Amino acid sequence: DQSTNGCWRKNRNPESSTAGDAMSIGIDLNRNFDIAWNYTQALAPGVEAASTNASAENFYGTGPFSEAETQSIKWVFDNFPSIGWYSDLHSNIGIGLYGWCFDSIQTTDKSKNFRNKSWDGKRGLIANDTFDYREYMDHGDWDKLLEITGRMAWAASDVNAAFYSVYAAPHLYPSSGCSIDHAYARHILDPKKKKILGVGFEFGYSGPDEECPFYPSPEAYRTDKMEVGAAYMEFLVNALRLD
């Protein structure tokens, strides 16, 4: 893949592929979790949070947890019930992210939540007053997510004078079926389960001469390792403190 600059994003499951169409192989794993997976129902028309097209880079699969990789993450959560924090590592923007992935956050109206079918077809329109929808989150949880992503971004930035910023995930772009939403929603769907706070972290920056931005040069790779190491040391220390 790297030698040919294939820049592959999805996994390699051929189940939904079409003969002769190499791009139709695989599923975007970060669209394959359960929360708002059916984006054509849960989100507003025109919000391309995933894709039903198997040839698209963000193809969401045949159903929630259709893939072995996403099933494995769910299995870990199911079998290690003391887990309280989770992080999903990506590249290559240089940014700390927190959920919800499919819409902005608010802390006052509990009726605006992913389980409320009356809001289906109205989510995902960021900075849009058409439906005045934002997803509910406990204010204390939001504070913790802001703090830990901020500390991770600060630590990564401090390594090599890079600039890592922090965003609510949908303000980068709305996505459905993402892993950090699954992690957080588990305690909402089943109050007996421990709350899991999840964050995303995107490391690295692509250079102008790179054909595929996800393949760093040897020099960038060494820098990426140091930045990620610093960010995740901060994540571990503060997850313990905030848990």
C-alpha atoms as a PDB file:
ATOM      1  CA  ASP A   1       0.000   0.000   0.000  1.00  0.00           C
ATOM      2  CA  GLN A   2       2.642   2.528   1.000  1.00  0.00           C
ATOM      3  CA  SER A   3       4.957   1.590  -1.863  1.00  0.00           C
ATOM      4  CA  THR A   4       2.198   2.342  -4.387  1.00  0.00           C
ATOM      5  CA  ASN A   5       0.668   5.310  -2.525  1.00  0.00           C
ATOM      6  CA  GLY A   6      -2.646   3.484  -2.382  1.00  0.00           C
ATOM      7  CA  CYS A   7      -3.608   5.506   0.693  1.00  0.00           C
ATOM      8  CA  TRP A   8      -6.084   2.886   1.882  1.00  0.00           C
ATOM      9  CA  ARG A   9      -8.562   3.988   4.570  1.00  0.00           C
ATOM     10  CA  LYS A  10     -10.976   1.089   5.118  1.00  0.00           C
ATOM     11  CA  ASN A  11     -10.434  -2.445   6.353  1.00  0.00           C
ATOM     12  CA  ARG A  12     -10.125  -5.252   3.794  1.00  0.00           C
ATOM     13  CA  ASN A  13     -13.433  -7.088   4.204  1.00  0.00           C
ATOM     14  CA  PRO A  14     -14.607  -8.062   0.675  1.00  0.00           C
ATOM     15  CA  GLU A  15     -18.166  -8.989   1.722  1.00  0.00           C
ATOM     16  CA  SER A  16     -19.829  -5.924   0.183  1.00  0.00           C
ATOM     17  CA  SER A  17     -17.467  -5.551  -2.760  1.00  0.00           C
ATOM     18  CA  THR A  18     -18.261  -5.728  -6.465  1.00  0.00           C
ATOM     19  CA  ALA A  19     -16.079  -7.797  -8.782  1.00  0.00           C
ATOM     20  CA  GLY A  20     -13.703  -5.563 -10.690  1.00  0.00           C
ATOM     21  CA  ASP A  21     -14.137  -2.608  -8.324  1.00  0.00           C
ATOM     22  CA  ALA A  22     -11.158  -2.593  -5.970  1.00  0.00           C
ATOM     23  CA  MET A  23     -12.454   0.516  -4.197  1.00  0.00           C
ATOM     24  CA  SER A  24     -15.560  -1.359  -3.055  1.00  0.00           C
ATOM     25  CA  ILE A  25     -13.528  -3.583  -0.730  1.00  0.00           C
ATOM     26  CA  GLY A  26     -13.688  -2.758   2.948  1.00  0.00           C
ATOM     27  CA  ILE A  27     -15.617  -0.788   5.553  1.00  0.00           C
ATOM     28  CA  ASP A  28     -14.767   2.446   7.352  1.00  0.00           C
ATOM     29  CA  LEU A  29     -14.476   1.126  10.894  1.00  0.00           C
ATOM     30  CA  ASN A  30     -15.191   4.498  12.462  1.00  0.00           C
ATOM     31  CA  ARG A  31     -18.638   4.493  10.827  1.00  0.00           C
ATOM     32  CA  ASN A  32     -19.449   0.937  11.946  1.00  0.00           C
ATOM     33  CA  PHE A  33     -20.439   1.426  15.599  1.00  0.00           C
ATOM     34  CA  ASP A  34     -24.040   1.562  16.738  1.00  0.00           C
ATOM     35  CA  ILE A  35     -24.844   5.160  17.697  1.00  0.00           C
ATOM     36  CA  ALA A  36     -26.547   6.970  14.791  1.00  0.00           C
ATOM     37  CA  TRP A  37     -25.203   4.236  12.475  1.00  0.00           C
ATOM     38  CA  ASN A  38     -28.309   4.527  10.291  1.00  0.00           C
ATOM     39  CA  TYR A  39     -27.471   8.106   9.415  1.00  0.00           C
ATOM     40  CA  THR A  40     -30.069   8.398   6.653  1.00  0.00           C
ATOM     41  CA  GLN A  41     -32.699   8.008   9.375  1.00  0.00           C
ATOM     42  CA  ALA A  42     -31.029   9.642  12.379  1.00  0.00           C
ATOM     43  CA  LEU A  43     -29.548  12.696  10.668  1.00  0.00           C
ATOM     44  CA  ALA A  44     -30.957  15.427   8.461  1.00  0.00           C
ATOM     45  CA  PRO A  45     -31.136  14.940   4.691  1.00  0.00           C
ATOM     46  CA  GLY A  46     -27.910  15.956   3.021  1.00  0.00           C
ATOM     47  CA  VAL A  47     -25.673  15.317   6.034  1.00  0.00           C
ATOM     48  CA  GLU A  48     -23.054  12.956   4.593  1.00  0.00           C
ATOM     49  CA  ALA A  49     -21.877  11.508   7.894  1.00  0.00           C
ATOM     50  CA  ALA A  50     -21.094   8.155   6.258  1.00  0.00           C
ATOM     51  CA  SER A  51     -21.947   6.424   2.991  1.00  0.00           C
ATOM     52  CA  THR A  52     -24.139   3.554   1.830  1.00  0.00           C
ATOM     53  CA  ASN A  53     -21.893   3.199  -1.228  1.00  0.00           C
ATOM     54  CA  ALA A  54     -19.402   0.357  -0.802  1.00  0.00           C
ATOM     55  CA  SER A  55     -16.915   2.160  -3.053  1.00  0.00           C
ATOM     56  CA  ALA A  56     -16.829   5.232  -0.817  1.00  0.00           C
ATOM     57  CA  GLU A  57     -14.035   5.717   1.707  1.00  0.00           C
ATOM     58  CA  ASN A  58     -16.595   6.184   4.492  1.00  0.00           C
ATOM     59  CA  PHE A  59     -18.817   3.175   3.680  1.00  0.00           C
ATOM     60  CA  TYR A  60     -20.561   2.199   6.903  1.00  0.00           C
ATOM     61  CA  GLY A  61     -20.910  -1.561   6.412  1.00  0.00           C
ATOM     62  CA  THR A  62     -23.894  -3.895   6.396  1.00  0.00           C
ATOM     63  CA  GLY A  63     -24.945  -3.091   9.960  1.00  0.00           C
ATOM     64  CA  PRO A  64     -23.602  -1.872  13.300  1.00  0.00           C
ATOM     65  CA  PHE A  65     -20.669  -4.022  14.413  1.00  0.00           C
ATOM     66  CA  SER A  66     -20.595  -5.943  11.141  1.00  0.00           C
ATOM     67  CA  GLU A  67     -16.794  -5.961  11.319  1.00  0.00           C
ATOM     68  CA  ALA A  68     -14.469  -8.074  13.446  1.00  0.00           C
ATOM     69  CA  GLU A  69     -12.504  -4.994  14.472  1.00  0.00           C
ATOM     70  CA  THR A  70     -15.497  -3.098  15.859  1.00  0.00           C
ATOM     71  CA  GLN A  71     -16.805  -6.272  17.492  1.00  0.00           C
ATOM     72  CA  SER A  72     -13.447  -6.596  19.233  1.00  0.00           C
ATOM     73  CA  ILE A  73     -13.683  -3.128  20.772  1.00  0.00           C
ATOM     74  CA  LYS A  74     -17.207  -3.851  21.986  1.00  0.00           C
ATOM     75  CA  TRP A  75     -15.956  -7.161  23.422  1.00  0.00           C
ATOM     76  CA  VAL A  76     -13.258  -5.359  25.402  1.00  0.00           C
ATOM     77  CA  PHE A  77     -15.806  -2.950  26.881  1.00  0.00           C
ATOM     78  CA  ASP A  78     -18.194  -5.813  27.668  1.00  0.00           C
ATOM     79  CA  ASN A  79     -15.558  -7.949  29.341  1.00  0.00           C
ATOM     80  CA  PHE A  80     -13.623  -5.276  31.216  1.00  0.00           C
ATOM     81  CA  PRO A  81     -16.406  -3.313  32.931  1.00  0.00           C
ATOM     82  CA  SER A  82     -14.051  -1.102  34.956  1.00  0.00           C
ATOM     83  CA  ILE A  83     -12.883   0.795  31.847  1.00  0.00           C
ATOM     84  CA  GLY A  84     -13.655   4.484  32.280  1.00  0.00           C
ATOM     85  CA  TRP A  85     -11.685   6.129  29.469  1.00  0.00           C
ATOM     86  CA  TYR A  86     -11.120   5.379  25.791  1.00  0.00           C
ATOM     87  CA  SER A  87      -9.151   7.052  23.014  1.00  0.00           C
ATOM     88  CA  ASP A  88      -9.286   6.555  19.267  1.00  0.00           C
ATOM     89  CA  LEU A  89      -6.034   7.412  17.476  1.00  0.00           C
ATOM     90  CA  HIS A  90      -6.014   8.787  13.921  1.00  0.00           C
ATOM     91  CA  SER A  91      -3.894  10.900  11.600  1.00  0.00           C
ATOM     92  CA  ASN A  92      -3.078  13.368  10.129  1.00  0.00           C
ATOM     93  CA  ILE A  93      -4.454  16.730  11.153  1.00  0.00           C
ATOM     94  CA  GLY A  94      -2.938  17.586  14.534  1.00  0.00           C
ATOM     95  CA  ILE A  95      -6.100  17.893  16.578  1.00  0.00           C
ATOM     96  CA  GLY A  96      -7.808  16.645  19.726  1.00  0.00           C
ATOM     97  CA  LEU A  97     -11.468  15.664  19.297  1.00  0.00           C
ATOM     98  CA  TYR A  98     -14.357  14.910  21.616  1.00  0.00           C
ATOM     99  CA  GLY A  99     -17.915  13.708  20.904  1.00  0.00           C
ATOM    100  CA  TRP A 100     -20.671  13.629  20.176  1.00  0.00           C
ATOM    101  CA  CYS A 101     -19.567  12.940  16.600  1.00  0.00           C
ATOM    102  CA  PHE A 102     -22.856  13.656  14.813  1.00  0.00           C
ATOM    103  CA  ASP A 103     -23.964  16.967  16.339  1.00  0.00           C
ATOM    104  CA  SER A 104     -22.960  19.784  18.655  1.00  0.00           C
ATOM    105  CA  ILE A 105     -23.320  19.474  22.436  1.00  0.00           C
ATOM    106  CA  GLN A 106     -25.758  21.115  24.827  1.00  0.00           C
ATOM    107  CA  THR A 107     -26.261  20.486  28.536  1.00  0.00           C
ATOM    108  CA  THR A 108     -29.804  21.652  29.329  1.00  0.00           C
ATOM    109  CA  ASP A 109     -32.379  19.700  27.298  1.00  0.00           C
ATOM    110  CA  LYS A 110     -32.233  15.954  27.970  1.00  0.00           C
ATOM    111  CA  SER A 111     -35.002  15.266  25.451  1.00  0.00           C
ATOM    112  CA  LYS A 112     -32.577  16.022  22.630  1.00  0.00           C
ATOM    113  CA  ASN A 113     -30.806  12.688  22.549  1.00  0.00           C
ATOM    114  CA  PHE A 114     -30.031   9.961  20.049  1.00  0.00           C
ATOM    115  CA  ARG A 115     -32.785   7.692  21.431  1.00  0.00           C
ATOM    116  CA  ASN A 116     -35.564  10.221  20.827  1.00  0.00           C
ATOM    117  CA  LYS A 117     -37.080   9.262  17.468  1.00  0.00           C
ATOM    118  CA  SER A 118     -38.962  12.547  17.223  1.00  0.00           C
ATOM    119  CA  TRP A 119     -35.623  14.182  16.374  1.00  0.00           C
ATOM    120  CA  ASP A 120     -34.754  11.719  13.611  1.00  0.00           C
ATOM    121  CA  GLY A 121     -34.003  13.495  10.363  1.00  0.00           C
ATOM    122  CA  LYS A 122     -33.082  16.700  12.182  1.00  0.00           C
ATOM    123  CA  ARG A 123     -29.588  16.035  13.554  1.00  0.00           C
ATOM    124  CA  GLY A 124     -26.203  16.867  12.129  1.00  0.00           C
ATOM    125  CA  LEU A 125     -26.808  20.392  10.827  1.00  0.00           C
ATOM    126  CA  ILE A 126     -23.959  22.157  12.581  1.00  0.00           C
ATOM    127  CA  ALA A 127     -24.343  25.897  13.214  1.00  0.00           C
ATOM    128  CA  ASN A 128     -27.797  25.755  11.653  1.00  0.00           C
ATOM    129  CA  ASP A 129     -30.973  26.982  13.315  1.00  0.00           C
ATOM    130  CA  THR A 130     -33.365  25.042  11.058  1.00  0.00           C
ATOM    131  CA  PHE A 131     -34.154  22.454  13.720  1.00  0.00           C
ATOM    132  CA  ASP A 132     -32.277  23.913  16.706  1.00  0.00           C
ATOM    133  CA  TYR A 133     -30.896  20.487  17.573  1.00  0.00           C
ATOM    134  CA  ARG A 134     -27.829  19.740  19.650  1.00  0.00           C
ATOM    135  CA  GLU A 135     -27.136  16.477  21.480  1.00  0.00           C
ATOM    136  CA  TYR A 136     -27.422  16.412  25.266  1.00  0.00           C
ATOM    137  CA  MET A 137     -24.369  15.666  27.405  1.00  0.00           C
ATOM    138  CA  ASP A 138     -23.812  15.961  31.131  1.00  0.00           C
ATOM    139  CA  HIS A 139     -21.997  19.236  31.789  1.00  0.00           C
ATOM    140  CA  GLY A 140     -19.373  17.606  34.005  1.00  0.00           C
ATOM    141  CA  ASP A 141     -18.553  15.074  31.293  1.00  0.00           C
ATOM    142  CA  TRP A 142     -18.166  17.828  28.725  1.00  0.00           C
ATOM    143  CA  ASP A 143     -15.800  19.671  31.058  1.00  0.00           C
ATOM    144  CA  LYS A 144     -13.658  16.551  31.485  1.00  0.00           C
ATOM    145  CA  LEU A 145     -13.486  15.930  27.743  1.00  0.00           C
ATOM    146  CA  LEU A 146     -12.483  19.528  27.094  1.00  0.00           C
ATOM    147  CA  GLU A 147      -9.813  19.380  29.760  1.00  0.00           C
ATOM    148  CA  ILE A 148      -8.216  16.128  28.691  1.00  0.00           C
ATOM    149  CA  THR A 149      -8.212  16.907  24.955  1.00  0.00           C
ATOM    150  CA  GLY A 150      -6.781  20.326  25.737  1.00  0.00           C
ATOM    151  CA  ARG A 151      -3.997  18.807  27.801  1.00  0.00           C
ATOM    152  CA  MET A 152      -3.233  16.247  25.084  1.00  0.00           C
ATOM    153  CA  ALA A 153      -3.063  18.965  22.437  1.00  0.00           C
ATOM    154  CA  TRP A 154      -0.845  21.120  24.651  1.00  0.00           C
ATOM    155  CA  ALA A 155       1.550  18.234  25.317  1.00  0.00           C
ATOM    156  CA  ALA A 156       1.835  17.311  21.638  1.00  0.00           C
ATOM    157  CA  SER A 157       2.336  20.949  20.642  1.00  0.00           C
ATOM    158  CA  ASP A 158       5.104  21.371  23.190  1.00  0.00           C
ATOM    159  CA  VAL A 159       7.279  18.624  21.674  1.00  0.00           C
ATOM    160  CA  ASN A 160       8.269  20.302  18.447  1.00  0.00           C
ATOM    161  CA  ALA A 161       6.558  23.702  18.427  1.00  0.00           C
ATOM    162  CA  ALA A 162       3.727  22.212  16.375  1.00  0.00           C
ATOM    163  CA  PHE A 163       0.192  23.503  16.790  1.00  0.00           C
ATOM    164  CA  TYR A 164      -2.437  21.019  17.924  1.00  0.00           C
ATOM    165  CA  SER A 165      -5.947  22.390  18.343  1.00  0.00           C
ATOM    166  CA  VAL A 166      -9.103  21.034  19.999  1.00  0.00           C
ATOM    167  CA  TYR A 167     -12.500  20.632  18.362  1.00  0.00           C
ATOM    168  CA  ALA A 168     -15.864  19.108  19.048  1.00  0.00           C
ATOM    169  CA  ALA A 169     -15.798  16.279  16.507  1.00  0.00           C
ATOM    170  CA  PRO A 170     -18.749  17.405  14.346  1.00  0.00           C
ATOM    171  CA  HIS A 171     -17.171  20.824  13.893  1.00  0.00           C
ATOM    172  CA  LEU A 172     -14.441  19.061  11.927  1.00  0.00           C
ATOM    173  CA  TYR A 173     -17.177  17.159  10.080  1.00  0.00           C
ATOM    174  CA  PRO A 174     -20.230  15.234  11.329  1.00  0.00           C
ATOM    175  CA  SER A 175     -19.837  11.465  11.415  1.00  0.00           C
ATOM    176  CA  SER A 176     -22.141   8.627  12.390  1.00  0.00           C
ATOM    177  CA  GLY A 177     -21.364   5.302  14.035  1.00  0.00           C
ATOM    178  CA  CYS A 178     -18.094   6.534  15.559  1.00  0.00           C
ATOM    179  CA  SER A 179     -16.284   4.671  18.316  1.00  0.00           C
ATOM    180  CA  ILE A 180     -16.192   7.426  20.938  1.00  0.00           C
ATOM    181  CA  ASP A 181     -19.972   7.814  20.729  1.00  0.00           C
ATOM    182  CA  HIS A 182     -20.411   4.091  21.287  1.00  0.00           C
ATOM    183  CA  ALA A 183     -18.105   4.223  24.290  1.00  0.00           C
ATOM    184  CA  TYR A 184     -19.970   7.124  25.895  1.00  0.00           C
ATOM    185  CA  ALA A 185     -23.491   5.931  25.060  1.00  0.00           C
ATOM    186  CA  ARG A 186     -23.107   2.561  26.761  1.00  0.00           C
ATOM    187  CA  HIS A 187     -23.987   3.904  30.209  1.00  0.00           C
ATOM    188  CA  ILE A 188     -26.956   5.787  28.763  1.00  0.00           C
ATOM    189  CA  LEU A 189     -28.385   2.672  27.146  1.00  0.00           C
ATOM    190  CA  ASP A 190     -27.671   0.574  30.251  1.00  0.00           C
ATOM    191  CA  PRO A 191     -27.297   2.542  33.513  1.00  0.00           C
ATOM    192  CA  LYS A 192     -25.683  -0.475  35.173  1.00  0.00           C
ATOM    193  CA  LYS A 193     -22.621   0.011  32.984  1.00  0.00           C
ATOM    194  CA  LYS A 194     -19.790   2.305  33.934  1.00  0.00           C
ATOM    195  CA  LYS A 195     -19.529   5.580  32.076  1.00  0.00           C
ATOM    196  CA  ILE A 196     -16.742   5.617  29.470  1.00  0.00           C
ATOM    197  CA  LEU A 197     -15.444   8.999  28.336  1.00  0.00           C
ATOM    198  CA  GLY A 198     -13.926   8.805  24.874  1.00  0.00           C
ATOM    199  CA  VAL A 199     -11.728  11.157  22.892  1.00  0.00           C
ATOM    200  CA  GLY A 200     -10.221  11.126  19.439  1.00  0.00           C
ATOM    201  CA  PHE A 201      -6.685  12.236  18.692  1.00  0.00           C
ATOM    202  CA  GLU A 202      -5.346  13.058  15.233  1.00  0.00           C
ATOM    203  CA  PHE A 203      -1.569  13.284  15.030  1.00  0.00           C
ATOM    204  CA  GLY A 204       0.802  14.579  12.398  1.00  0.00           C
ATOM    205  CA  TYR A 205       0.735  16.924   9.450  1.00  0.00           C
ATOM    206  CA  SER A 206       1.137  16.116   5.767  1.00  0.00           C
ATOM    207  CA  GLY A 207       3.815  17.854   3.771  1.00  0.00           C
ATOM    208  CA  PRO A 208       3.292  19.390   0.312  1.00  0.00           C
ATOM    209  CA  ASP A 209       5.368  16.690  -1.397  1.00  0.00           C
ATOM    210  CA  GLU A 210       3.561  13.692   0.053  1.00  0.00           C
ATOM    211  CA  GLU A 211       1.366  11.801  -2.411  1.00  0.00           C
ATOM    212  CA  CYS A 212      -0.573  10.193   0.427  1.00  0.00           C
ATOM    213  CA  PRO A 213      -0.851  12.340   3.556  1.00  0.00           C
ATOM    214  CA  PHE A 214      -1.231   9.302   5.810  1.00  0.00           C
ATOM    215  CA  TYR A 215       2.294   8.055   5.037  1.00  0.00           C
ATOM    216  CA  PRO A 216       4.838  10.224   6.863  1.00  0.00           C
ATOM    217  CA  SER A 217       8.447  10.651   5.849  1.00  0.00           C
ATOM    218  CA  PRO A 218      11.021   9.035   8.189  1.00  0.00           C
ATOM    219  CA  GLU A 219      11.644  12.433   9.776  1.00  0.00           C
ATOM    220  CA  ALA A 220       7.934  13.110  10.267  1.00  0.00           C
ATOM    221  CA  TYR A 221       7.474   9.613  11.669  1.00  0.00           C
ATOM    222  CA  ARG A 222      10.014  10.269  14.409  1.00  0.00           C
ATOM    223  CA  THR A 223       8.320  13.557  15.272  1.00  0.00           C
ATOM    224  CA  ASP A 224       4.897  11.895  15.253  1.00  0.00           C
ATOM    225  CA  LYS A 225       6.088   9.281  17.740  1.00  0.00           C
ATOM    226  CA  MET A 226       7.269  11.927  20.173  1.00  0.00           C
ATOM    227  CA  GLU A 227       4.110  14.008  19.863  1.00  0.00           C
ATOM    228  CA  VAL A 228       1.830  11.006  20.306  1.00  0.00           C
ATOM    229  CA  GLY A 229       3.880   9.778  23.253  1.00  0.00           C
ATOM    230  CA  ALA A 230       3.603  13.125  25.007  1.00  0.00           C
ATOM    231  CA  ALA A 231      -0.130  13.373  24.306  1.00  0.00           C
ATOM    232  CA  TYR A 232      -0.886   9.915  25.625  1.00  0.00           C
ATOM    233  CA  MET A 233       1.210  10.336  28.730  1.00  0.00           C
ATOM    234  CA  GLU A 234      -0.989  13.350  29.450  1.00  0.00           C
ATOM    235  CA  PHE A 235      -4.077  11.277  28.638  1.00  0.00           C
ATOM    236  CA  LEU A 236      -3.120   8.512  31.071  1.00  0.00           C
ATOM    237  CA  VAL A 237      -2.185  10.818  33.926  1.00  0.00           C
ATOM    238  CA  ASN A 238      -5.346  12.880  33.620  1.00  0.00           C
ATOM    239  CA  ALA A 239      -7.690   9.970  32.975  1.00  0.00           C
ATOM    240  CA  LEU A 240      -6.593   8.579  36.331  1.00  0.00           C
ATOM    241  CA  ARG A 241      -7.075  11.957  37.988  1.00  0.00           C
ATOM    242  CA  LEU A 242     -10.476  12.672  36.436  1.00  0.00           C
ATOM    243  CA  ASP A 243     -11.989   9.189  36.672  1.00  0.00           C
END
